Amino acid sequence: MAEFVFAYTGGSMAQTQEERDKAMAAWGAWFGELGGAIVNPGNPFGASATVGNGSSGNGGSSGLTGFSVVSADSLDAASALAKGCPVIAHGGAVEVYEALQVM
């Protein structure tokens, strides 16, 4: 088994408490479907900065909105797990990366 990072991009933030409750229920249900594949459910991202080549700026250049870490047999298997992610239903996407164990 390998670990894969789900990097969430886009989507929309809930504006009301009712919308937040509904969104949290959707995430909880999806994590329930993933079961033991969840290594780290992760969190949404807040403020960000980009740093490179001696310069820095406010805001991340990639547009990441959050992450999770899962365990799967392959990139294809991890990608299949990502298809039910609630962020997709709200206009976002999930980028799936294998986390290489080098340390």
C-alpha atoms as a PDB file:
ATOM      1  CA  MET A   1       0.000   0.000   0.000  1.00  0.00           C
ATOM      2  CA  ALA A   2       1.135   3.506  -0.769  1.00  0.00           C
ATOM      3  CA  GLU A   3      -0.022   6.862   0.561  1.00  0.00           C
ATOM      4  CA  PHE A   4      -1.630   9.451  -1.676  1.00  0.00           C
ATOM      5  CA  VAL A   5      -2.362  13.111  -1.052  1.00  0.00           C
ATOM      6  CA  PHE A   6      -5.688  14.496  -2.197  1.00  0.00           C
ATOM      7  CA  ALA A   7      -5.078  18.184  -2.915  1.00  0.00           C
ATOM      8  CA  TYR A   8      -8.376  20.029  -3.166  1.00  0.00           C
ATOM      9  CA  THR A   9      -8.766  23.004  -5.498  1.00  0.00           C
ATOM     10  CA  GLY A  10     -11.672  25.345  -6.013  1.00  0.00           C
ATOM     11  CA  GLY A  11     -15.158  24.708  -4.775  1.00  0.00           C
ATOM     12  CA  SER A  12     -17.230  27.107  -2.740  1.00  0.00           C
ATOM     13  CA  MET A  13     -17.451  27.860   0.965  1.00  0.00           C
ATOM     14  CA  ALA A  14     -20.767  27.457   2.750  1.00  0.00           C
ATOM     15  CA  GLN A  15     -22.307  30.822   3.635  1.00  0.00           C
ATOM     16  CA  THR A  16     -24.888  29.871   6.251  1.00  0.00           C
ATOM     17  CA  GLN A  17     -24.837  27.554   9.257  1.00  0.00           C
ATOM     18  CA  GLU A  18     -27.331  25.277   7.490  1.00  0.00           C
ATOM     19  CA  GLU A  19     -25.031  25.054   4.445  1.00  0.00           C
ATOM     20  CA  ARG A  20     -22.013  24.387   6.708  1.00  0.00           C
ATOM     21  CA  ASP A  21     -23.888  21.607   8.515  1.00  0.00           C
ATOM     22  CA  LYS A  22     -24.892  20.046   5.190  1.00  0.00           C
ATOM     23  CA  ALA A  23     -21.314  20.299   3.871  1.00  0.00           C
ATOM     24  CA  MET A  24     -19.851  18.720   7.020  1.00  0.00           C
ATOM     25  CA  ALA A  25     -22.390  15.886   6.790  1.00  0.00           C
ATOM     26  CA  ALA A  26     -21.361  15.264   3.157  1.00  0.00           C
ATOM     27  CA  TRP A  27     -17.661  15.168   4.101  1.00  0.00           C
ATOM     28  CA  GLY A  28     -18.405  12.878   7.050  1.00  0.00           C
ATOM     29  CA  ALA A  29     -20.379  10.506   4.831  1.00  0.00           C
ATOM     30  CA  TRP A  30     -17.606  10.423   2.222  1.00  0.00           C
ATOM     31  CA  PHE A  31     -14.927   9.782   4.845  1.00  0.00           C
ATOM     32  CA  GLY A  32     -17.169   6.996   6.167  1.00  0.00           C
ATOM     33  CA  GLU A  33     -17.229   5.441   2.687  1.00  0.00           C
ATOM     34  CA  LEU A  34     -13.419   5.628   2.510  1.00  0.00           C
ATOM     35  CA  GLY A  35     -13.160   3.854   5.866  1.00  0.00           C
ATOM     36  CA  GLY A  36      -9.710   2.450   6.591  1.00  0.00           C
ATOM     37  CA  ALA A  37      -8.207   4.115   3.522  1.00  0.00           C
ATOM     38  CA  ILE A  38      -8.100   7.414   5.437  1.00  0.00           C
ATOM     39  CA  VAL A  39      -4.609   8.045   6.838  1.00  0.00           C
ATOM     40  CA  ASN A  40      -5.230  11.707   7.684  1.00  0.00           C
ATOM     41  CA  PRO A  41      -8.583  13.394   6.935  1.00  0.00           C
ATOM     42  CA  GLY A  42      -6.741  16.699   6.605  1.00  0.00           C
ATOM     43  CA  ASN A  43      -8.243  20.165   6.772  1.00  0.00           C
ATOM     44  CA  PRO A  44      -9.143  23.116   4.596  1.00  0.00           C
ATOM     45  CA  PHE A  45      -6.448  25.747   4.055  1.00  0.00           C
ATOM     46  CA  GLY A  46      -6.604  29.332   5.288  1.00  0.00           C
ATOM     47  CA  ALA A  47      -4.328  32.239   4.434  1.00  0.00           C
ATOM     48  CA  SER A  48      -1.342  31.442   2.229  1.00  0.00           C
ATOM     49  CA  ALA A  49       1.831  32.912   0.766  1.00  0.00           C
ATOM     50  CA  THR A  50       4.106  31.978  -2.115  1.00  0.00           C
ATOM     51  CA  VAL A  51       7.877  32.038  -1.545  1.00  0.00           C
ATOM     52  CA  GLY A  52      10.464  31.453  -4.254  1.00  0.00           C
ATOM     53  CA  ASN A  53      13.729  32.769  -5.686  1.00  0.00           C
ATOM     54  CA  GLY A  54      14.204  35.249  -2.861  1.00  0.00           C
ATOM     55  CA  SER A  55      10.740  36.759  -3.199  1.00  0.00           C
ATOM     56  CA  SER A  56       7.429  36.170  -1.516  1.00  0.00           C
ATOM     57  CA  GLY A  57       3.865  37.268  -2.009  1.00  0.00           C
ATOM     58  CA  ASN A  58       0.489  36.971  -0.400  1.00  0.00           C
ATOM     59  CA  GLY A  59      -1.679  34.139  -1.592  1.00  0.00           C
ATOM     60  CA  GLY A  60      -0.671  30.717  -2.831  1.00  0.00           C
ATOM     61  CA  SER A  61      -0.185  30.466  -6.577  1.00  0.00           C
ATOM     62  CA  SER A  62      -1.724  26.989  -6.900  1.00  0.00           C
ATOM     63  CA  GLY A  63      -5.198  27.695  -5.528  1.00  0.00           C
ATOM     64  CA  LEU A  64      -5.195  24.753  -3.116  1.00  0.00           C
ATOM     65  CA  THR A  65      -8.136  24.771  -0.702  1.00  0.00           C
ATOM     66  CA  GLY A  66      -7.329  21.725   1.463  1.00  0.00           C
ATOM     67  CA  PHE A  67      -5.927  18.208   1.659  1.00  0.00           C
ATOM     68  CA  SER A  68      -6.412  14.639   2.862  1.00  0.00           C
ATOM     69  CA  VAL A  69      -4.103  11.604   2.868  1.00  0.00           C
ATOM     70  CA  VAL A  70      -5.308   8.123   1.913  1.00  0.00           C
ATOM     71  CA  SER A  71      -3.802   4.677   1.515  1.00  0.00           C
ATOM     72  CA  ALA A  72      -4.378   2.764  -1.733  1.00  0.00           C
ATOM     73  CA  ASP A  73      -2.789   0.074  -3.898  1.00  0.00           C
ATOM     74  CA  SER A  74      -2.165   2.367  -6.878  1.00  0.00           C
ATOM     75  CA  LEU A  75      -2.688   5.824  -8.334  1.00  0.00           C
ATOM     76  CA  ASP A  76      -5.712   4.477 -10.216  1.00  0.00           C
ATOM     77  CA  ALA A  77      -7.204   3.092  -6.991  1.00  0.00           C
ATOM     78  CA  ALA A  78      -6.594   6.380  -5.157  1.00  0.00           C
ATOM     79  CA  SER A  79      -8.134   8.326  -8.046  1.00  0.00           C
ATOM     80  CA  ALA A  80     -11.226   6.122  -7.883  1.00  0.00           C
ATOM     81  CA  LEU A  81     -11.563   6.950  -4.174  1.00  0.00           C
ATOM     82  CA  ALA A  82     -11.374  10.670  -4.963  1.00  0.00           C
ATOM     83  CA  LYS A  83     -14.339  10.583  -7.356  1.00  0.00           C
ATOM     84  CA  GLY A  84     -16.875  10.819  -4.510  1.00  0.00           C
ATOM     85  CA  CYS A  85     -15.292  13.876  -2.895  1.00  0.00           C
ATOM     86  CA  PRO A  86     -17.826  16.575  -1.933  1.00  0.00           C
ATOM     87  CA  VAL A  87     -15.600  19.370  -3.283  1.00  0.00           C
ATOM     88  CA  ILE A  88     -16.328  18.106  -6.815  1.00  0.00           C
ATOM     89  CA  ALA A  89     -20.074  18.675  -6.350  1.00  0.00           C
ATOM     90  CA  HIS A  90     -19.313  22.338  -5.553  1.00  0.00           C
ATOM     91  CA  GLY A  91     -17.231  23.103  -8.644  1.00  0.00           C
ATOM     92  CA  GLY A  92     -13.858  22.029  -7.279  1.00  0.00           C
ATOM     93  CA  ALA A  93     -11.451  19.256  -8.177  1.00  0.00           C
ATOM     94  CA  VAL A  94      -9.163  16.757  -6.481  1.00  0.00           C
ATOM     95  CA  GLU A  95      -5.545  16.400  -7.569  1.00  0.00           C
ATOM     96  CA  VAL A  96      -4.133  13.018  -6.531  1.00  0.00           C
ATOM     97  CA  TYR A  97      -0.415  12.679  -5.780  1.00  0.00           C
ATOM     98  CA  GLU A  98       1.545   9.644  -4.625  1.00  0.00           C
ATOM     99  CA  ALA A  99       3.586  10.505  -1.533  1.00  0.00           C
ATOM    100  CA  LEU A 100       6.972   8.851  -2.083  1.00  0.00           C
ATOM    101  CA  GLN A 101       8.591   7.398   1.032  1.00  0.00           C
ATOM    102  CA  VAL A 102      12.188   8.659   0.889  1.00  0.00           C
ATOM    103  CA  MET A 103      12.844   9.439   4.542  1.00  0.00           C
END
